[in-house]
């Protein structure tokens, strides 16, 4: 398989650069989205789009053990609590907006740094493919609870406004 022909060090470097790029993209998208009204679609579609990444597990190279899955999902859920804490909505100008949080950017990059350090440490004991799978599970386990909490908060404000 093609993945097994690539050096693990190269894969770690490429995935780290990709993670940093994604962190910058998420920060930019989040800053822009705070300037436009929120909607159910904008809240719920990102996890749906991200779910296509689960197709990676078709390839044995990316598969994880039950314990690795559990560790990754628990870490993702724990990280999501920080994102939930920094994501608040407000009613303004007849619309509902996501409040910009100065802490969000620092938290997002803090989580990114933790993730990169974790990847560098774990890459010596877990093969790169399984590690990639674990970090996808972690990210998915982080985004789903976060977006569900955002959706519930959005609906609550929607109901308050319509009363």
N, C-alpha and C. Protein backbone atom coordinates (compact mmCIF):
# COMPACT_ATOMS: atom_id res chain seq x y z
N UNK A 1 0.84 -1.18 0.00
CA UNK A 1 0.00 0.00 0.00
C UNK A 1 0.89 1.24 0.00
N UNK A 2 0.40 2.31 -0.56
CA UNK A 2 1.18 3.53 -0.73
C UNK A 2 1.58 4.16 0.61
N UNK A 3 0.72 4.09 1.61
CA UNK A 3 1.01 4.73 2.89
C UNK A 3 2.20 4.08 3.58
N UNK A 4 2.37 2.79 3.38
CA UNK A 4 3.45 2.07 4.03
C UNK A 4 4.81 2.36 3.40
N UNK A 5 4.81 2.94 2.19
CA UNK A 5 6.05 3.27 1.50
C UNK A 5 6.59 4.63 1.92
N UNK A 6 5.74 5.44 2.59
CA UNK A 6 6.14 6.78 3.01
C UNK A 6 6.75 6.69 4.41
N UNK A 7 7.85 7.37 4.60
CA UNK A 7 8.53 7.38 5.90
C UNK A 7 7.61 7.93 6.99
N UNK A 8 7.57 7.28 8.16
CA UNK A 8 6.75 7.79 9.26
C UNK A 8 7.10 9.23 9.65
N UNK A 9 8.40 9.58 9.58
CA UNK A 9 8.80 10.95 9.91
C UNK A 9 8.21 11.96 8.93
N UNK A 10 8.20 11.62 7.66
CA UNK A 10 7.61 12.50 6.65
C UNK A 10 6.11 12.65 6.91
N UNK A 11 5.46 11.55 7.24
CA UNK A 11 4.01 11.60 7.50
C UNK A 11 3.70 12.47 8.72
N UNK A 12 4.53 12.39 9.75
CA UNK A 12 4.32 13.21 10.94
C UNK A 12 4.50 14.68 10.61
N UNK A 13 5.53 15.00 9.85
CA UNK A 13 5.78 16.39 9.47
C UNK A 13 4.64 16.93 8.62
N UNK A 14 4.23 16.17 7.62
CA UNK A 14 3.14 16.60 6.73
C UNK A 14 1.84 16.78 7.51
N UNK A 15 1.52 15.83 8.39
CA UNK A 15 0.27 15.93 9.15
C UNK A 15 0.32 17.08 10.15
N UNK A 16 1.50 17.39 10.69
CA UNK A 16 1.64 18.52 11.60
C UNK A 16 1.44 19.84 10.86
N UNK A 17 2.05 19.96 9.70
CA UNK A 17 1.87 21.17 8.88
C UNK A 17 0.39 21.31 8.49
N UNK A 18 -0.23 20.20 8.14
CA UNK A 18 -1.65 20.22 7.79
C UNK A 18 -2.50 20.67 8.99
N UNK A 19 -2.18 20.16 10.19
CA UNK A 19 -2.93 20.54 11.40
C UNK A 19 -2.78 22.03 11.69
N UNK A 20 -1.58 22.56 11.51
CA UNK A 20 -1.37 23.99 11.72
C UNK A 20 -2.18 24.79 10.71
N UNK A 21 -2.16 24.35 9.46
CA UNK A 21 -2.96 25.02 8.42
C UNK A 21 -4.45 24.99 8.73
N UNK A 22 -4.92 23.85 9.21
CA UNK A 22 -6.34 23.73 9.58
C UNK A 22 -6.66 24.64 10.77
N UNK A 23 -5.75 24.76 11.72
CA UNK A 23 -5.95 25.65 12.86
C UNK A 23 -6.09 27.09 12.41
N UNK A 24 -5.25 27.50 11.48
CA UNK A 24 -5.32 28.86 10.94
C UNK A 24 -6.63 29.05 10.17
N UNK A 25 -7.01 28.05 9.39
CA UNK A 25 -8.26 28.12 8.62
C UNK A 25 -9.47 28.23 9.54
N UNK A 26 -9.51 27.41 10.60
CA UNK A 26 -10.63 27.43 11.53
C UNK A 26 -10.72 28.79 12.22
N UNK A 27 -9.58 29.35 12.62
CA UNK A 27 -9.57 30.66 13.27
C UNK A 27 -10.08 31.73 12.32
N UNK A 28 -9.65 31.68 11.07
CA UNK A 28 -10.11 32.67 10.08
C UNK A 28 -11.60 32.53 9.81
N UNK A 29 -12.05 31.30 9.63
CA UNK A 29 -13.48 31.06 9.37
C UNK A 29 -14.31 31.50 10.57
N UNK A 30 -13.85 31.20 11.77
CA UNK A 30 -14.58 31.58 12.98
C UNK A 30 -14.69 33.11 13.09
N UNK A 31 -13.61 33.82 12.80
CA UNK A 31 -13.62 35.29 12.86
C UNK A 31 -14.61 35.87 11.85
N UNK A 32 -14.63 35.31 10.65
CA UNK A 32 -15.56 35.79 9.62
C UNK A 32 -17.00 35.44 9.95
N UNK A 33 -17.21 34.25 10.51
CA UNK A 33 -18.58 33.81 10.79
C UNK A 33 -19.23 34.64 11.88
N UNK A 34 -18.43 35.22 12.76
CA UNK A 34 -19.00 36.04 13.83
C UNK A 34 -19.58 37.34 13.28
N UNK A 35 -19.23 37.68 12.05
CA UNK A 35 -19.75 38.91 11.44
C UNK A 35 -21.07 38.69 10.72
N UNK A 36 -21.46 37.41 10.55
CA UNK A 36 -22.72 37.08 9.87
C UNK A 36 -23.62 36.33 10.84
N UNK A 37 -24.94 36.44 10.65
CA UNK A 37 -25.85 35.72 11.56
C UNK A 37 -25.62 34.21 11.51
N UNK A 38 -25.80 33.58 12.64
CA UNK A 38 -25.66 32.12 12.74
C UNK A 38 -26.93 31.47 12.20
N UNK A 39 -26.82 30.21 11.84
CA UNK A 39 -27.98 29.44 11.39
C UNK A 39 -27.76 27.99 11.77
N UNK A 40 -28.84 27.23 11.77
CA UNK A 40 -28.75 25.81 12.08
C UNK A 40 -27.80 25.12 11.10
N UNK A 41 -27.90 25.47 9.82
CA UNK A 41 -27.03 24.87 8.81
C UNK A 41 -25.55 25.12 9.12
N UNK A 42 -25.23 26.36 9.46
CA UNK A 42 -23.83 26.71 9.73
C UNK A 42 -23.30 26.00 10.97
N UNK A 43 -24.19 25.65 11.87
CA UNK A 43 -23.78 24.97 13.09
C UNK A 43 -23.62 23.47 12.86
N UNK A 44 -24.56 22.86 12.15
CA UNK A 44 -24.59 21.40 12.05
C UNK A 44 -23.86 20.81 10.85
N UNK A 45 -23.62 21.58 9.81
CA UNK A 45 -22.96 21.01 8.62
C UNK A 45 -21.48 20.65 8.82
N UNK A 46 -20.68 21.42 9.56
CA UNK A 46 -19.26 21.03 9.70
C UNK A 46 -19.04 19.60 10.20
N UNK A 47 -19.75 19.14 11.25
CA UNK A 47 -19.53 17.74 11.64
C UNK A 47 -19.96 16.75 10.55
N UNK A 48 -21.00 17.09 9.82
CA UNK A 48 -21.45 16.23 8.73
C UNK A 48 -20.37 16.14 7.66
N UNK A 49 -19.80 17.27 7.28
CA UNK A 49 -18.73 17.27 6.28
C UNK A 49 -17.51 16.52 6.79
N UNK A 50 -17.20 16.71 8.06
CA UNK A 50 -16.04 16.05 8.63
C UNK A 50 -16.22 14.53 8.71
N UNK A 51 -17.46 14.10 8.82
CA UNK A 51 -17.74 12.67 8.96
C UNK A 51 -17.24 11.86 7.77
N UNK A 52 -17.09 12.50 6.62
CA UNK A 52 -16.58 11.78 5.46
C UNK A 52 -15.15 11.29 5.69
N UNK A 53 -14.45 11.92 6.62
CA UNK A 53 -13.09 11.49 6.96
C UNK A 53 -13.05 10.08 7.53
N UNK A 54 -14.19 9.59 8.01
CA UNK A 54 -14.24 8.23 8.55
C UNK A 54 -13.94 7.19 7.47
N UNK A 55 -14.03 7.59 6.22
CA UNK A 55 -13.71 6.67 5.13
C UNK A 55 -12.24 6.21 5.19
N UNK A 56 -11.42 6.96 5.94
CA UNK A 56 -10.02 6.55 6.08
C UNK A 56 -9.90 5.16 6.69
N UNK A 57 -10.91 4.79 7.50
CA UNK A 57 -10.84 3.51 8.20
C UNK A 57 -11.13 2.31 7.29
N UNK A 58 -11.46 2.59 6.03
CA UNK A 58 -11.56 1.51 5.04
C UNK A 58 -10.19 0.86 4.87
N UNK A 59 -9.14 1.68 4.98
CA UNK A 59 -7.77 1.20 4.81
C UNK A 59 -7.24 0.68 6.15
N UNK A 60 -6.76 -0.55 6.18
CA UNK A 60 -6.24 -1.12 7.43
C UNK A 60 -5.14 -0.27 8.08
N UNK A 61 -4.40 0.47 7.27
CA UNK A 61 -3.30 1.31 7.76
C UNK A 61 -3.77 2.29 8.84
N UNK A 62 -5.02 2.76 8.75
CA UNK A 62 -5.53 3.79 9.67
C UNK A 62 -6.35 3.23 10.83
N UNK A 63 -6.58 1.95 10.85
CA UNK A 63 -7.45 1.37 11.88
C UNK A 63 -6.81 1.41 13.25
N UNK A 64 -7.68 1.56 14.26
CA UNK A 64 -7.24 1.66 15.65
C UNK A 64 -7.84 0.53 16.47
N UNK A 65 -7.24 0.26 17.61
CA UNK A 65 -7.79 -0.74 18.52
C UNK A 65 -8.95 -0.11 19.31
N UNK A 66 -9.68 -0.94 20.02
CA UNK A 66 -10.78 -0.44 20.84
C UNK A 66 -10.30 0.53 21.91
N UNK A 67 -9.17 0.23 22.52
CA UNK A 67 -8.61 1.10 23.56
C UNK A 67 -8.15 2.43 22.97
N UNK A 68 -7.52 2.38 21.80
CA UNK A 68 -7.09 3.63 21.13
C UNK A 68 -8.30 4.48 20.77
N UNK A 69 -9.38 3.83 20.31
CA UNK A 69 -10.61 4.55 20.00
C UNK A 69 -11.15 5.23 21.25
N UNK A 70 -11.22 4.49 22.33
CA UNK A 70 -11.75 5.01 23.60
C UNK A 70 -10.91 6.19 24.10
N UNK A 71 -9.59 6.05 24.06
CA UNK A 71 -8.70 7.13 24.49
C UNK A 71 -8.92 8.39 23.65
N UNK A 72 -9.03 8.23 22.34
CA UNK A 72 -9.19 9.37 21.44
C UNK A 72 -10.54 10.04 21.64
N UNK A 73 -11.60 9.26 21.77
CA UNK A 73 -12.94 9.85 21.92
C UNK A 73 -13.06 10.58 23.25
N UNK A 74 -12.51 10.02 24.31
CA UNK A 74 -12.55 10.68 25.63
C UNK A 74 -11.76 11.99 25.59
N UNK A 75 -10.59 11.97 24.97
CA UNK A 75 -9.80 13.20 24.85
C UNK A 75 -10.57 14.25 24.04
N UNK A 76 -11.22 13.83 22.96
CA UNK A 76 -12.01 14.76 22.15
C UNK A 76 -13.15 15.38 22.94
N UNK A 77 -13.84 14.57 23.70
CA UNK A 77 -14.96 15.08 24.51
C UNK A 77 -14.43 16.06 25.57
N UNK A 78 -13.31 15.73 26.18
CA UNK A 78 -12.72 16.65 27.17
C UNK A 78 -12.33 17.98 26.52
N UNK A 79 -11.69 17.92 25.36
CA UNK A 79 -11.31 19.14 24.64
C UNK A 79 -12.55 19.94 24.23
N UNK A 80 -13.64 19.25 23.90
CA UNK A 80 -14.85 19.95 23.46
C UNK A 80 -15.42 20.85 24.56
N UNK A 81 -15.21 20.47 25.81
CA UNK A 81 -15.75 21.29 26.91
C UNK A 81 -15.16 22.69 26.89
N UNK A 82 -13.90 22.79 26.52
CA UNK A 82 -13.25 24.10 26.43
C UNK A 82 -13.87 24.92 25.30
N UNK A 83 -14.13 24.28 24.17
CA UNK A 83 -14.74 24.98 23.04
C UNK A 83 -16.18 25.38 23.36
N UNK A 84 -16.90 24.52 24.05
CA UNK A 84 -18.28 24.84 24.45
C UNK A 84 -18.28 26.06 25.36
N UNK A 85 -17.32 26.10 26.26
CA UNK A 85 -17.22 27.19 27.22
C UNK A 85 -16.98 28.54 26.52
N UNK A 86 -16.29 28.54 25.38
CA UNK A 86 -15.97 29.80 24.69
C UNK A 86 -16.94 30.15 23.57
N UNK A 87 -17.93 29.32 23.33
CA UNK A 87 -18.88 29.57 22.22
C UNK A 87 -20.22 30.02 22.78
N UNK A 88 -20.50 31.29 22.62
CA UNK A 88 -21.76 31.87 23.11
C UNK A 88 -22.42 32.65 21.98
N UNK A 89 -23.74 32.67 22.02
CA UNK A 89 -24.50 33.41 21.02
C UNK A 89 -25.12 34.64 21.67
N UNK A 90 -25.47 35.61 20.82
CA UNK A 90 -26.17 36.80 21.29
C UNK A 90 -27.20 37.22 20.24
N UNK A 91 -28.26 37.82 20.73
CA UNK A 91 -29.30 38.35 19.84
C UNK A 91 -28.96 39.81 19.58
N UNK A 92 -28.81 40.15 18.28
CA UNK A 92 -28.42 41.50 17.91
C UNK A 92 -29.02 41.82 16.55
N UNK A 93 -29.60 42.99 16.44
CA UNK A 93 -30.17 43.47 15.17
C UNK A 93 -31.19 42.50 14.58
N UNK A 94 -31.97 41.85 15.45
CA UNK A 94 -33.00 40.93 14.98
C UNK A 94 -32.47 39.58 14.52
N UNK A 95 -31.18 39.33 14.70
CA UNK A 95 -30.55 38.06 14.30
C UNK A 95 -29.77 37.49 15.47
N UNK A 96 -29.36 36.24 15.33
CA UNK A 96 -28.54 35.58 16.35
C UNK A 96 -27.12 35.45 15.80
N UNK A 97 -26.17 35.95 16.57
CA UNK A 97 -24.76 35.93 16.16
C UNK A 97 -23.93 35.15 17.17
N UNK A 98 -22.86 34.55 16.69
CA UNK A 98 -21.89 33.92 17.55
C UNK A 98 -21.00 35.04 18.10
N UNK A 99 -20.90 35.13 19.42
CA UNK A 99 -20.05 36.16 20.03
C UNK A 99 -18.59 35.84 19.76
N UNK A 100 -17.84 36.88 19.42
CA UNK A 100 -16.41 36.66 19.25
C UNK A 100 -15.77 36.59 20.63
N UNK A 101 -14.97 35.58 20.84
CA UNK A 101 -14.28 35.39 22.10
C UNK A 101 -12.78 35.49 21.85
N UNK A 102 -12.14 36.42 22.55
CA UNK A 102 -10.69 36.55 22.41
C UNK A 102 -9.99 35.27 22.90
N UNK A 103 -10.58 34.62 23.87
CA UNK A 103 -10.00 33.39 24.42
C UNK A 103 -10.05 32.25 23.42
N UNK A 104 -11.02 32.26 22.50
CA UNK A 104 -11.19 31.15 21.57
C UNK A 104 -9.92 30.89 20.77
N UNK A 105 -9.32 31.93 20.24
CA UNK A 105 -8.12 31.77 19.40
C UNK A 105 -6.99 31.15 20.22
N UNK A 106 -6.80 31.64 21.45
CA UNK A 106 -5.74 31.10 22.30
C UNK A 106 -6.03 29.66 22.68
N UNK A 107 -7.29 29.37 22.96
CA UNK A 107 -7.66 28.00 23.32
C UNK A 107 -7.48 27.07 22.12
N UNK A 108 -7.92 27.51 20.95
CA UNK A 108 -7.78 26.69 19.75
C UNK A 108 -6.31 26.37 19.48
N UNK A 109 -5.46 27.38 19.56
CA UNK A 109 -4.05 27.14 19.30
C UNK A 109 -3.40 26.36 20.45
N UNK A 110 -3.90 26.54 21.67
CA UNK A 110 -3.43 25.73 22.80
C UNK A 110 -3.74 24.26 22.57
N UNK A 111 -4.98 23.98 22.13
CA UNK A 111 -5.36 22.60 21.82
C UNK A 111 -4.52 22.04 20.67
N UNK A 112 -4.23 22.89 19.69
CA UNK A 112 -3.41 22.48 18.56
C UNK A 112 -1.99 22.13 19.02
N UNK A 113 -1.44 22.94 19.90
CA UNK A 113 -0.10 22.66 20.43
C UNK A 113 -0.09 21.35 21.22
N UNK A 114 -1.12 21.16 22.06
CA UNK A 114 -1.23 19.91 22.82
C UNK A 114 -1.31 18.72 21.86
N UNK A 115 -2.09 18.90 20.79
CA UNK A 115 -2.24 17.84 19.81
C UNK A 115 -0.92 17.52 19.11
N UNK A 116 -0.17 18.55 18.74
CA UNK A 116 1.11 18.34 18.07
C UNK A 116 2.11 17.65 19.00
N UNK A 117 2.17 18.12 20.24
CA UNK A 117 3.07 17.49 21.21
C UNK A 117 2.66 16.03 21.43
N UNK A 118 1.35 15.79 21.57
CA UNK A 118 0.86 14.43 21.72
C UNK A 118 1.24 13.54 20.56
N UNK A 119 1.13 14.10 19.36
CA UNK A 119 1.48 13.33 18.16
C UNK A 119 2.97 12.99 18.15
N UNK A 120 3.80 13.95 18.51
CA UNK A 120 5.25 13.70 18.51
C UNK A 120 5.63 12.67 19.57
N UNK A 121 5.00 12.74 20.74
CA UNK A 121 5.30 11.79 21.81
C UNK A 121 4.77 10.40 21.45
N UNK A 122 3.52 10.34 21.00
CA UNK A 122 2.89 9.04 20.72
C UNK A 122 3.43 8.35 19.46
N UNK A 123 4.01 9.14 18.56
CA UNK A 123 4.49 8.54 17.31
C UNK A 123 5.61 7.53 17.52
N UNK A 124 6.23 7.56 18.69
CA UNK A 124 7.29 6.59 18.96
C UNK A 124 6.72 5.25 19.44
N UNK A 125 5.44 5.23 19.85
CA UNK A 125 4.85 3.98 20.36
C UNK A 125 3.66 3.49 19.55
N UNK A 126 3.05 4.35 18.76
CA UNK A 126 1.88 3.98 17.96
C UNK A 126 2.22 4.24 16.50
N UNK A 127 1.88 3.31 15.61
CA UNK A 127 2.23 3.53 14.20
C UNK A 127 1.48 4.74 13.66
N UNK A 128 2.07 5.37 12.67
CA UNK A 128 1.58 6.64 12.15
C UNK A 128 0.15 6.54 11.63
N UNK A 129 -0.19 5.45 10.99
CA UNK A 129 -1.56 5.30 10.46
C UNK A 129 -2.59 5.27 11.56
N UNK A 130 -2.35 4.45 12.58
CA UNK A 130 -3.29 4.38 13.72
C UNK A 130 -3.33 5.71 14.45
N UNK A 131 -2.19 6.38 14.54
CA UNK A 131 -2.14 7.69 15.19
C UNK A 131 -2.98 8.72 14.42
N UNK A 132 -2.90 8.65 13.11
CA UNK A 132 -3.74 9.53 12.27
C UNK A 132 -5.21 9.24 12.52
N UNK A 133 -5.56 7.97 12.58
CA UNK A 133 -6.94 7.60 12.88
C UNK A 133 -7.38 8.08 14.23
N UNK A 134 -6.49 7.96 15.23
CA UNK A 134 -6.82 8.43 16.58
C UNK A 134 -7.06 9.94 16.61
N UNK A 135 -6.24 10.69 15.89
CA UNK A 135 -6.42 12.13 15.91
C UNK A 135 -7.66 12.57 15.13
N UNK A 136 -8.05 11.81 14.13
CA UNK A 136 -9.33 12.11 13.47
C UNK A 136 -10.47 11.84 14.46
N UNK A 137 -10.41 10.72 15.16
CA UNK A 137 -11.44 10.39 16.15
C UNK A 137 -11.49 11.46 17.24
N UNK A 138 -10.32 11.90 17.70
CA UNK A 138 -10.25 12.96 18.69
C UNK A 138 -10.95 14.22 18.17
N UNK A 139 -10.61 14.63 16.95
CA UNK A 139 -11.20 15.84 16.37
C UNK A 139 -12.71 15.69 16.20
N UNK A 140 -13.14 14.54 15.74
CA UNK A 140 -14.58 14.31 15.55
C UNK A 140 -15.29 14.26 16.91
N UNK A 141 -14.64 13.63 17.89
CA UNK A 141 -15.19 13.57 19.23
C UNK A 141 -15.22 14.94 19.90
N UNK A 142 -14.45 15.87 19.37
CA UNK A 142 -14.45 17.23 19.89
C UNK A 142 -15.51 18.08 19.19
N UNK A 143 -15.62 17.96 17.88
CA UNK A 143 -16.52 18.83 17.13
C UNK A 143 -18.00 18.47 17.34
N UNK A 144 -18.31 17.19 17.47
CA UNK A 144 -19.72 16.78 17.59
C UNK A 144 -20.36 17.31 18.88
N UNK A 145 -19.77 17.07 20.06
CA UNK A 145 -20.41 17.64 21.27
C UNK A 145 -20.43 19.16 21.26
N UNK A 146 -19.38 19.77 20.73
CA UNK A 146 -19.31 21.23 20.65
C UNK A 146 -20.45 21.78 19.80
N UNK A 147 -20.65 21.19 18.63
CA UNK A 147 -21.70 21.67 17.73
C UNK A 147 -23.10 21.35 18.27
N UNK A 148 -23.26 20.24 18.96
CA UNK A 148 -24.55 19.93 19.58
C UNK A 148 -24.86 20.97 20.65
N UNK A 149 -23.86 21.31 21.46
CA UNK A 149 -24.06 22.34 22.49
C UNK A 149 -24.38 23.69 21.85
N UNK A 150 -23.69 24.01 20.76
CA UNK A 150 -23.98 25.27 20.05
C UNK A 150 -25.41 25.26 19.52
N UNK A 151 -25.82 24.15 18.95
CA UNK A 151 -27.17 24.03 18.41
C UNK A 151 -28.21 24.23 19.51
N UNK A 152 -28.00 23.58 20.65
CA UNK A 152 -28.95 23.70 21.76
C UNK A 152 -29.02 25.15 22.27
N UNK A 153 -27.88 25.78 22.36
CA UNK A 153 -27.84 27.18 22.79
C UNK A 153 -28.52 28.09 21.77
N UNK A 154 -28.28 27.83 20.49
CA UNK A 154 -28.89 28.61 19.41
C UNK A 154 -30.42 28.48 19.46
N UNK A 155 -30.91 27.24 19.59
CA UNK A 155 -32.36 27.01 19.65
C UNK A 155 -32.98 27.69 20.88
N UNK A 156 -32.27 27.67 22.00
CA UNK A 156 -32.75 28.33 23.22
C UNK A 156 -32.92 29.83 22.99
N UNK A 157 -31.94 30.45 22.38
CA UNK A 157 -32.03 31.88 22.09
C UNK A 157 -33.13 32.16 21.07
N UNK A 158 -33.26 31.27 20.08
CA UNK A 158 -34.32 31.42 19.08
C UNK A 158 -35.69 31.41 19.76
N UNK A 159 -35.89 30.49 20.69
CA UNK A 159 -37.17 30.41 21.41
C UNK A 159 -37.41 31.64 22.26
N UNK A 160 -36.38 32.13 22.94
CA UNK A 160 -36.50 33.33 23.77
C UNK A 160 -36.88 34.54 22.92
N UNK A 161 -36.27 34.65 21.74
CA UNK A 161 -36.52 35.79 20.86
C UNK A 161 -37.95 35.74 20.31
N UNK A 162 -38.43 34.53 20.01
CA UNK A 162 -39.77 34.41 19.42
C UNK A 162 -40.90 34.54 20.43
N UNK A 163 -40.59 34.55 21.71
CA UNK A 163 -41.63 34.69 22.76
C UNK A 163 -42.18 36.07 22.83
